[in-house]
C-alpha atoms as a PDB file:
ATOM      1  CA  MET A   1     -23.427 -19.312  26.320  1.00  0.00           C
ATOM      2  CA  LEU A   2     -22.081 -22.635  27.590  1.00  0.00           C
ATOM      3  CA  SER A   3     -20.711 -22.853  31.113  1.00  0.00           C
ATOM      4  CA  ALA A   4     -19.423 -25.429  33.563  1.00  0.00           C
ATOM      5  CA  VAL A   5     -18.797 -24.493  37.185  1.00  0.00           C
ATOM      6  CA  VAL A   6     -17.258 -26.612  39.916  1.00  0.00           C
ATOM      7  CA  LEU A   7     -18.343 -26.117  43.502  1.00  0.00           C
ATOM      8  CA  ASN A   8     -15.936 -27.492  46.078  1.00  0.00           C
ATOM      9  CA  LEU A   9     -18.069 -28.624  48.990  1.00  0.00           C
ATOM     10  CA  GLN A  10     -17.083 -29.452  52.565  1.00  0.00           C
ATOM     11  CA  PRO A  11     -19.480 -31.416  54.784  1.00  0.00           C
ATOM     12  CA  VAL A  12     -20.499 -29.574  57.929  1.00  0.00           C
ATOM     13  CA  THR A  13     -20.578 -32.870  59.848  1.00  0.00           C
ATOM     14  CA  GLN A  14     -19.992 -36.559  59.172  1.00  0.00           C
ATOM     15  CA  ALA A  15     -22.670 -37.676  56.731  1.00  0.00           C
ATOM     16  CA  ARG A  16     -23.863 -40.468  54.483  1.00  0.00           C
ATOM     17  CA  LEU A  17     -25.219 -40.169  50.982  1.00  0.00           C
ATOM     18  CA  PRO A  18     -26.734 -42.853  48.737  1.00  0.00           C
ATOM     19  CA  VAL A  19     -24.403 -43.909  45.949  1.00  0.00           C
ATOM     20  CA  SER A  20     -27.267 -43.119  43.555  1.00  0.00           C
ATOM     21  CA  HIS A  21     -27.994 -39.581  44.739  1.00  0.00           C
ATOM     22  CA  GLY A  22     -28.763 -37.849  41.444  1.00  0.00           C
ATOM     23  CA  ARG A  23     -32.286 -36.848  42.469  1.00  0.00           C
ATOM     24  CA  PHE A  24     -30.919 -35.195  45.616  1.00  0.00           C
ATOM     25  CA  ALA A  25     -28.246 -33.360  43.602  1.00  0.00           C
ATOM     26  CA  TYR A  26     -30.940 -32.146  41.208  1.00  0.00           C
ATOM     27  CA  ALA A  27     -33.050 -30.828  44.102  1.00  0.00           C
ATOM     28  CA  ALA A  28     -29.991 -29.088  45.572  1.00  0.00           C
ATOM     29  CA  ALA A  29     -29.244 -27.388  42.239  1.00  0.00           C
ATOM     30  CA  LEU A  30     -32.819 -26.133  41.927  1.00  0.00           C
ATOM     31  CA  GLU A  31     -32.603 -24.767  45.469  1.00  0.00           C
ATOM     32  CA  LEU A  32     -29.522 -22.734  44.522  1.00  0.00           C
ATOM     33  CA  PHE A  33     -31.331 -21.301  41.489  1.00  0.00           C
ATOM     34  CA  LEU A  34     -34.372 -20.606  43.669  1.00  0.00           C
ATOM     35  CA  ARG A  35     -32.295 -18.353  45.920  1.00  0.00           C
ATOM     36  CA  ARG A  36     -31.382 -16.184  42.964  1.00  0.00           C
ATOM     37  CA  ASP A  37     -34.417 -16.382  40.659  1.00  0.00           C
ATOM     38  CA  ALA A  38     -37.596 -18.218  41.664  1.00  0.00           C
ATOM     39  CA  THR A  39     -39.112 -17.874  38.195  1.00  0.00           C
ATOM     40  CA  LEU A  40     -36.078 -19.439  36.564  1.00  0.00           C
ATOM     41  CA  ALA A  41     -35.987 -22.278  39.108  1.00  0.00           C
ATOM     42  CA  ARG A  42     -39.619 -23.094  38.379  1.00  0.00           C
ATOM     43  CA  ALA A  43     -39.023 -22.953  34.616  1.00  0.00           C
ATOM     44  CA  LEU A  44     -36.033 -25.293  34.907  1.00  0.00           C
ATOM     45  CA  HIS A  45     -38.005 -27.793  36.938  1.00  0.00           C
ATOM     46  CA  GLU A  46     -40.850 -27.752  34.415  1.00  0.00           C
ATOM     47  CA  ALA A  47     -38.655 -27.748  31.287  1.00  0.00           C
ATOM     48  CA  ARG A  48     -39.579 -30.541  28.832  1.00  0.00           C
ATOM     49  CA  PRO A  49     -38.312 -32.539  27.059  1.00  0.00           C
ATOM     50  CA  HIS A  50     -34.749 -31.217  27.565  1.00  0.00           C
ATOM     51  CA  LYS A  51     -33.400 -29.257  30.499  1.00  0.00           C
ATOM     52  CA  PRO A  52     -30.869 -26.490  29.733  1.00  0.00           C
ATOM     53  CA  PHE A  53     -28.501 -27.533  32.519  1.00  0.00           C
ATOM     54  CA  THR A  54     -26.769 -30.630  33.903  1.00  0.00           C
ATOM     55  CA  VAL A  55     -26.016 -31.671  37.454  1.00  0.00           C
ATOM     56  CA  SER A  56     -23.321 -34.120  38.490  1.00  0.00           C
ATOM     57  CA  PRO A  57     -23.260 -36.304  41.564  1.00  0.00           C
ATOM     58  CA  LEU A  58     -20.328 -35.786  43.933  1.00  0.00           C
ATOM     59  CA  LEU A  59     -17.610 -36.737  41.482  1.00  0.00           C
ATOM     60  CA  ASP A  60     -14.889 -37.743  43.926  1.00  0.00           C
ATOM     61  CA  ALA A  61     -16.720 -39.485  46.780  1.00  0.00           C
ATOM     62  CA  GLN A  62     -14.834 -42.753  47.283  1.00  0.00           C
ATOM     63  CA  GLU A  63     -15.407 -44.341  50.690  1.00  0.00           C
ATOM     64  CA  ARG A  64     -18.570 -46.392  50.812  1.00  0.00           C
ATOM     65  CA  GLU A  65     -20.409 -48.831  53.001  1.00  0.00           C
ATOM     66  CA  GLY A  66     -23.027 -50.859  51.191  1.00  0.00           C
ATOM     67  CA  ASN A  67     -25.068 -48.512  49.015  1.00  0.00           C
ATOM     68  CA  GLU A  68     -23.926 -45.310  50.738  1.00  0.00           C
ATOM     69  CA  PHE A  69     -20.939 -42.990  50.548  1.00  0.00           C
ATOM     70  CA  CYS A  70     -19.344 -41.964  53.831  1.00  0.00           C
ATOM     71  CA  LEU A  71     -18.532 -38.235  53.815  1.00  0.00           C
ATOM     72  CA  HIS A  72     -16.076 -36.610  56.200  1.00  0.00           C
ATOM     73  CA  PRO A  73     -15.904 -32.953  57.301  1.00  0.00           C
ATOM     74  CA  GLU A  74     -12.120 -32.815  56.814  1.00  0.00           C
ATOM     75  CA  GLN A  75     -12.489 -33.603  53.101  1.00  0.00           C
ATOM     76  CA  VAL A  76     -13.600 -31.454  50.172  1.00  0.00           C
ATOM     77  CA  TYR A  77     -15.824 -32.897  47.445  1.00  0.00           C
ATOM     78  CA  THR A  78     -16.391 -31.797  43.861  1.00  0.00           C
ATOM     79  CA  TRP A  79     -19.849 -30.969  42.504  1.00  0.00           C
ATOM     80  CA  ARG A  80     -20.333 -29.758  38.928  1.00  0.00           C
ATOM     81  CA  LEU A  81     -23.155 -27.826  37.266  1.00  0.00           C
ATOM     82  CA  THR A  82     -23.381 -26.769  33.628  1.00  0.00           C
ATOM     83  CA  GLY A  83     -25.553 -24.321  31.716  1.00  0.00           C
ATOM     84  CA  LEU A  84     -26.631 -24.620  28.081  1.00  0.00           C
ATOM     85  CA  ILE A  85     -28.374 -21.246  27.745  1.00  0.00           C
ATOM     86  CA  ASN A  86     -27.366 -17.702  28.665  1.00  0.00           C
ATOM     87  CA  LYS A  87     -29.716 -17.197  31.589  1.00  0.00           C
ATOM     88  CA  VAL A  88     -28.651 -20.370  33.358  1.00  0.00           C
ATOM     89  CA  SER A  89     -24.962 -19.716  32.665  1.00  0.00           C
ATOM     90  CA  GLU A  90     -25.175 -16.168  33.979  1.00  0.00           C
ATOM     91  CA  HIS A  91     -26.479 -17.442  37.315  1.00  0.00           C
ATOM     92  CA  LEU A  92     -23.958 -20.273  37.512  1.00  0.00           C
ATOM     93  CA  LEU A  93     -21.039 -17.923  36.854  1.00  0.00           C
ATOM     94  CA  ALA A  94     -22.317 -15.602  39.592  1.00  0.00           C
ATOM     95  CA  PHE A  95     -22.330 -18.303  42.283  1.00  0.00           C
ATOM     96  CA  THR A  96     -19.966 -17.627  45.204  1.00  0.00           C
ATOM     97  CA  PRO A  97     -19.658 -19.111  48.700  1.00  0.00           C
ATOM     98  CA  ASP A  98     -21.941 -16.276  49.816  1.00  0.00           C
ATOM     99  CA  VAL A  99     -24.887 -18.069  48.191  1.00  0.00           C
ATOM    100  CA  GLY A 100     -25.035 -20.192  51.345  1.00  0.00           C
ATOM    101  CA  GLY A 101     -24.829 -23.867  52.196  1.00  0.00           C
ATOM    102  CA  VAL A 102     -25.864 -26.820  50.072  1.00  0.00           C
ATOM    103  CA  ARG A 103     -27.973 -29.782  51.185  1.00  0.00           C
ATOM    104  CA  ILE A 104     -27.737 -32.963  49.093  1.00  0.00           C
ATOM    105  CA  GLY A 105     -29.964 -35.559  50.682  1.00  0.00           C
ATOM    106  CA  ASP A 106     -29.147 -35.577  54.391  1.00  0.00           C
ATOM    107  CA  ALA A 107     -25.640 -34.186  53.841  1.00  0.00           C
ATOM    108  CA  VAL A 108     -25.115 -30.471  54.471  1.00  0.00           C
ATOM    109  CA  PHE A 109     -22.100 -28.718  52.930  1.00  0.00           C
ATOM    110  CA  SER A 110     -20.478 -25.329  52.990  1.00  0.00           C
ATOM    111  CA  ILE A 111     -19.136 -24.006  49.676  1.00  0.00           C
ATOM    112  CA  VAL A 112     -15.359 -23.640  49.924  1.00  0.00           C
ATOM    113  CA  ASN A 113     -14.983 -22.002  46.515  1.00  0.00           C
ATOM    114  CA  VAL A 114     -16.429 -21.966  43.007  1.00  0.00           C
ATOM    115  CA  ALA A 115     -14.304 -22.535  39.885  1.00  0.00           C
ATOM    116  CA  THR A 116     -15.619 -21.047  36.637  1.00  0.00           C
ATOM    117  CA  THR A 117     -12.639 -21.445  34.265  1.00  0.00           C
ATOM    118  CA  ALA A 118     -10.381 -24.281  33.153  1.00  0.00           C
ATOM    119  CA  GLU A 119      -7.459 -22.487  34.750  1.00  0.00           C
ATOM    120  CA  GLU A 120      -9.183 -22.749  38.114  1.00  0.00           C
ATOM    121  CA  HIS A 121     -10.314 -26.370  37.664  1.00  0.00           C
ATOM    122  CA  PRO A 122     -10.112 -28.748  34.656  1.00  0.00           C
ATOM    123  CA  GLU A 123     -13.803 -29.605  35.037  1.00  0.00           C
ATOM    124  CA  ALA A 124     -14.851 -25.943  34.727  1.00  0.00           C
ATOM    125  CA  GLY A 125     -15.032 -23.847  31.582  1.00  0.00           C
ATOM    126  CA  GLN A 126     -16.902 -21.454  29.337  1.00  0.00           C
ATOM    127  CA  ASP A 127     -17.652 -21.470  25.619  1.00  0.00           C
ATOM    128  CA  ASP A 128     -20.108 -20.178  23.048  1.00  0.00           C
ATOM    129  CA  TYR A 129     -22.125 -22.003  20.396  1.00  0.00           C
ATOM    130  CA  THR A 130     -20.990 -19.706  17.602  1.00  0.00           C
ATOM    131  CA  ALA A 131     -17.336 -19.844  18.667  1.00  0.00           C
ATOM    132  CA  LEU A 132     -17.507 -23.620  18.906  1.00  0.00           C
ATOM    133  CA  TRP A 133     -19.052 -23.899  15.441  1.00  0.00           C
ATOM    134  CA  GLU A 134     -16.541 -21.514  13.848  1.00  0.00           C
ATOM    135  CA  ARG A 135     -13.569 -23.132  15.588  1.00  0.00           C
ATOM    136  CA  TRP A 136     -14.507 -26.534  14.222  1.00  0.00           C
ATOM    137  CA  GLY A 137     -14.878 -25.084  10.752  1.00  0.00           C
ATOM    138  CA  ARG A 138     -11.115 -24.426  10.751  1.00  0.00           C
ATOM    139  CA  VAL A 139      -9.547 -27.440  12.462  1.00  0.00           C
ATOM    140  CA  THR A 140      -8.344 -30.702  10.933  1.00  0.00           C
ATOM    141  CA  PRO A 141     -11.115 -33.304  11.218  1.00  0.00           C
ATOM    142  CA  PRO A 142     -10.348 -36.010  13.803  1.00  0.00           C
ATOM    143  CA  GLU A 143     -10.000 -39.577  12.550  1.00  0.00           C
ATOM    144  CA  SER A 144     -11.699 -40.859  15.682  1.00  0.00           C
ATOM    145  CA  VAL A 145     -12.930 -39.700  19.072  1.00  0.00           C
ATOM    146  CA  THR A 146     -12.929 -41.502  22.403  1.00  0.00           C
ATOM    147  CA  LEU A 147     -15.652 -40.570  24.856  1.00  0.00           C
ATOM    148  CA  HIS A 148     -15.361 -41.333  28.560  1.00  0.00           C
ATOM    149  CA  PHE A 149     -18.756 -41.791  30.184  1.00  0.00           C
ATOM    150  CA  LEU A 150     -17.951 -40.959  33.800  1.00  0.00           C
ATOM    151  CA  THR A 151     -21.369 -41.515  35.333  1.00  0.00           C
ATOM    152  CA  PRO A 152     -23.990 -44.102  34.375  1.00  0.00           C
ATOM    153  CA  THR A 153     -25.472 -43.256  30.994  1.00  0.00           C
ATOM    154  CA  THR A 154     -28.537 -44.620  29.266  1.00  0.00           C
ATOM    155  CA  PHE A 155     -30.880 -43.701  26.435  1.00  0.00           C
ATOM    156  CA  ARG A 156     -34.647 -43.550  26.544  1.00  0.00           C
ATOM    157  CA  VAL A 157     -35.831 -45.371  23.432  1.00  0.00           C
ATOM    158  CA  GLY A 158     -39.593 -45.673  23.271  1.00  0.00           C
ATOM    159  CA  ARG A 159     -40.809 -46.885  26.657  1.00  0.00           C
ATOM    160  CA  PHE A 160     -37.493 -48.389  27.739  1.00  0.00           C
ATOM    161  CA  GLU A 161     -33.927 -47.412  28.622  1.00  0.00           C
ATOM    162  CA  GLN A 162     -31.088 -48.798  26.514  1.00  0.00           C
ATOM    163  CA  PRO A 163     -27.745 -48.933  28.393  1.00  0.00           C
ATOM    164  CA  PHE A 164     -25.295 -49.101  25.486  1.00  0.00           C
ATOM    165  CA  PRO A 165     -23.708 -46.229  23.507  1.00  0.00           C
ATOM    166  CA  LEU A 166     -24.570 -47.058  19.922  1.00  0.00           C
ATOM    167  CA  PRO A 167     -23.319 -44.213  17.706  1.00  0.00           C
ATOM    168  CA  ARG A 168     -26.816 -43.223  16.579  1.00  0.00           C
ATOM    169  CA  TRP A 169     -27.934 -42.817  20.198  1.00  0.00           C
ATOM    170  CA  VAL A 170     -24.805 -40.986  21.399  1.00  0.00           C
ATOM    171  CA  PHE A 171     -24.511 -38.508  18.549  1.00  0.00           C
ATOM    172  CA  GLY A 172     -28.257 -38.365  18.042  1.00  0.00           C
ATOM    173  CA  SER A 173     -28.555 -37.232  21.667  1.00  0.00           C
ATOM    174  CA  LEU A 174     -25.881 -34.578  21.156  1.00  0.00           C
ATOM    175  CA  VAL A 175     -27.447 -33.275  17.937  1.00  0.00           C
ATOM    176  CA  THR A 176     -30.858 -33.104  19.637  1.00  0.00           C
ATOM    177  CA  LEU A 177     -29.456 -31.066  22.529  1.00  0.00           C
ATOM    178  CA  TRP A 178     -27.491 -28.807  20.187  1.00  0.00           C
ATOM    179  CA  ASP A 179     -30.571 -28.151  18.045  1.00  0.00           C
ATOM    180  CA  ALA A 180     -32.666 -27.478  21.167  1.00  0.00           C
ATOM    181  CA  PHE A 181     -30.429 -24.706  22.516  1.00  0.00           C
ATOM    182  CA  ALA A 182     -27.977 -23.472  19.869  1.00  0.00           C
ATOM    183  CA  PRO A 183     -28.914 -20.362  17.817  1.00  0.00           C
ATOM    184  CA  TYR A 184     -28.844 -22.428  14.616  1.00  0.00           C
ATOM    185  CA  PRO A 185     -29.498 -26.163  14.192  1.00  0.00           C
ATOM    186  CA  ILE A 186     -27.370 -28.917  12.724  1.00  0.00           C
ATOM    187  CA  GLY A 187     -30.501 -30.312  11.117  1.00  0.00           C
ATOM    188  CA  GLN A 188     -31.983 -33.693  10.352  1.00  0.00           C
ATOM    189  CA  GLY A 189     -30.045 -34.249   7.127  1.00  0.00           C
ATOM    190  CA  LEU A 190     -26.617 -34.167   8.776  1.00  0.00           C
ATOM    191  CA  LYS A 191     -27.964 -36.084  11.755  1.00  0.00           C
ATOM    192  CA  ASP A 192     -29.125 -38.887   9.445  1.00  0.00           C
ATOM    193  CA  LEU A 193     -25.758 -38.917   7.672  1.00  0.00           C
ATOM    194  CA  MET A 194     -23.874 -39.139  10.961  1.00  0.00           C
ATOM    195  CA  GLU A 195     -26.013 -42.105  12.011  1.00  0.00           C
ATOM    196  CA  GLU A 196     -25.113 -43.885   8.761  1.00  0.00           C
ATOM    197  CA  VAL A 197     -21.335 -43.470   8.840  1.00  0.00           C
ATOM    198  CA  ILE A 198     -20.187 -43.243  12.502  1.00  0.00           C
ATOM    199  CA  ILE A 199     -19.277 -46.655  13.900  1.00  0.00           C
ATOM    200  CA  LEU A 200     -18.132 -47.893  17.302  1.00  0.00           C
ATOM    201  CA  SER A 201     -14.597 -49.210  16.834  1.00  0.00           C
ATOM    202  CA  ASN A 202     -13.378 -49.995  20.354  1.00  0.00           C
ATOM    203  CA  TRP A 203     -14.708 -49.930  23.887  1.00  0.00           C
ATOM    204  CA  ARG A 204     -14.187 -50.933  27.476  1.00  0.00           C
ATOM    205  CA  GLY A 205     -17.044 -50.438  29.885  1.00  0.00           C
ATOM    206  CA  GLU A 206     -19.469 -51.887  32.367  1.00  0.00           C
ATOM    207  CA  THR A 207     -23.053 -51.464  33.508  1.00  0.00           C
ATOM    208  CA  ARG A 208     -24.199 -50.013  36.819  1.00  0.00           C
ATOM    209  CA  ARG A 209     -27.591 -49.934  38.481  1.00  0.00           C
ATOM    210  CA  VAL A 210     -29.019 -46.492  39.251  1.00  0.00           C
ATOM    211  CA  GLU A 211     -31.766 -45.617  41.713  1.00  0.00           C
ATOM    212  CA  LEU A 212     -33.918 -42.674  40.659  1.00  0.00           C
ATOM    213  CA  GLY A 213     -36.327 -42.499  43.558  1.00  0.00           C
ATOM    214  CA  ASN A 214     -39.459 -44.207  42.276  1.00  0.00           C
ATOM    215  CA  HIS A 215     -37.626 -45.697  39.294  1.00  0.00           C
ATOM    216  CA  ARG A 216     -34.636 -47.994  38.855  1.00  0.00           C
ATOM    217  CA  THR A 217     -32.558 -48.208  35.688  1.00  0.00           C
ATOM    218  CA  VAL A 218     -29.202 -49.458  34.409  1.00  0.00           C
ATOM    219  CA  GLY A 219     -26.529 -47.288  32.829  1.00  0.00           C
ATOM    220  CA  PHE A 220     -23.091 -47.869  31.358  1.00  0.00           C
ATOM    221  CA  THR A 221     -19.733 -46.282  32.140  1.00  0.00           C
ATOM    222  CA  GLY A 222     -16.405 -46.566  30.363  1.00  0.00           C
ATOM    223  CA  LYS A 223     -14.436 -45.426  27.327  1.00  0.00           C
ATOM    224  CA  PHE A 224     -15.823 -45.856  23.813  1.00  0.00           C
ATOM    225  CA  THR A 225     -14.085 -44.960  20.548  1.00  0.00           C
ATOM    226  CA  TYR A 226     -15.958 -43.845  17.420  1.00  0.00           C
ATOM    227  CA  ARG A 227     -14.739 -43.376  13.857  1.00  0.00           C
ATOM    228  CA  LEU A 228     -16.199 -42.872  10.396  1.00  0.00           C
ATOM    229  CA  ALA A 229     -16.754 -45.764   7.997  1.00  0.00           C
ATOM    230  CA  GLU A 230     -15.750 -43.499   5.107  1.00  0.00           C
ATOM    231  CA  ARG A 231     -13.889 -40.227   4.678  1.00  0.00           C
ATOM    232  CA  LEU A 232     -16.319 -37.330   5.143  1.00  0.00           C
ATOM    233  CA  PRO A 233     -14.511 -34.278   6.594  1.00  0.00           C
ATOM    234  CA  GLU A 234     -17.724 -32.372   7.305  1.00  0.00           C
ATOM    235  CA  VAL A 235     -19.108 -35.241   9.371  1.00  0.00           C
ATOM    236  CA  SER A 236     -15.728 -35.732  11.096  1.00  0.00           C
ATOM    237  CA  ARG A 237     -15.761 -32.085  12.155  1.00  0.00           C
ATOM    238  CA  LEU A 238     -19.284 -32.436  13.514  1.00  0.00           C
ATOM    239  CA  MET A 239     -18.252 -35.554  15.417  1.00  0.00           C
ATOM    240  CA  GLY A 240     -15.384 -33.593  16.995  1.00  0.00           C
ATOM    241  CA  MET A 241     -17.490 -30.521  17.731  1.00  0.00           C
ATOM    242  CA  LEU A 242     -20.240 -32.561  19.371  1.00  0.00           C
ATOM    243  CA  SER A 243     -17.673 -34.489  21.414  1.00  0.00           C
ATOM    244  CA  GLU A 244     -16.414 -31.164  22.749  1.00  0.00           C
ATOM    245  CA  PHE A 245     -20.001 -29.981  23.325  1.00  0.00           C
ATOM    246  CA  ALA A 246     -20.607 -33.099  25.460  1.00  0.00           C
ATOM    247  CA  PHE A 247     -18.369 -31.538  28.150  1.00  0.00           C
ATOM    248  CA  TYR A 248     -21.268 -29.162  28.814  1.00  0.00           C
ATOM    249  CA  SER A 249     -24.359 -31.024  27.620  1.00  0.00           C
ATOM    250  CA  GLY A 250     -23.798 -34.545  28.852  1.00  0.00           C
ATOM    251  CA  VAL A 251     -25.219 -37.463  26.889  1.00  0.00           C
ATOM    252  CA  GLY A 252     -28.442 -39.402  27.092  1.00  0.00           C
ATOM    253  CA  TRP A 253     -31.223 -39.498  29.647  1.00  0.00           C
ATOM    254  CA  HIS A 254     -31.527 -37.691  33.002  1.00  0.00           C
ATOM    255  CA  THR A 255     -28.416 -35.506  32.682  1.00  0.00           C
ATOM    256  CA  ALA A 256     -29.891 -33.160  35.314  1.00  0.00           C
ATOM    257  CA  HIS A 257     -29.955 -36.089  37.757  1.00  0.00           C
ATOM    258  CA  GLY A 258     -26.270 -36.974  37.625  1.00  0.00           C
ATOM    259  CA  MET A 259     -26.352 -39.285  34.619  1.00  0.00           C
ATOM    260  CA  GLY A 260     -24.481 -38.967  31.330  1.00  0.00           C
ATOM    261  CA  GLN A 261     -21.421 -36.994  32.476  1.00  0.00           C
ATOM    262  CA  THR A 262     -19.188 -37.332  29.410  1.00  0.00           C
ATOM    263  CA  ARG A 263     -15.657 -36.213  28.494  1.00  0.00           C
ATOM    264  CA  TRP A 264     -13.709 -36.389  25.252  1.00  0.00           C
ATOM    265  CA  VAL A 265     -10.439 -38.211  25.883  1.00  0.00           C
ATOM    266  CA  ARG A 266      -7.807 -36.360  23.834  1.00  0.00           C
ATOM    267  CA  GLU A 267      -5.052 -38.848  23.161  1.00  0.00           C
END
């Protein structure tokens, strides 16, 4: 099961939060899981090399001074968690305000409400690997897809991070995550073919520095359009399916620490 839940959070008091607060958001998410299932929380923390969930930063914090956001108790902020396996999704979909408060860094929040469906919030939703696969077996293949990378995104290549969405890194990341958690894999053959024929055709973006506690990196944000160099309907369908999957999985490195939040822009 795939799930995305949106927690609307209200600060208890005036607070400040580092602009790069992904590590604090990750710790807050694990604390919520810990309240429901300590064994699962420990397994999620230790999961390697891919974690079956993503954690966003506060997606709509705007006011900032220097390298900090200023948070106000009269405002409500959006925080998003996704699950890529059944057990995680079951817990996420069971979250209610009764689970208690949330601490992200030094900021303490009460949970106003939790959205679990697209009807309740456009950033929430539920899907299934099999349904997603079968749905894309029937639709008309897209000629191109535009992905919006909302939060800084980067790719770990060897010992270094690469802050640019080359097609082989973007769709290679998505195939790797799909194969890690879906009941049946896409496989190396199709992955290799996608890397050969998907090209970046248009983009507008920028780089942003990200603090990860004891590590600093650079990620990119922006909108990037991909298309096929030749007509291959099967690959086009996979490109569309994986673009839809990115709503739940994120893209690239450290998606459990606020990075790689990605949306397909349907134009």
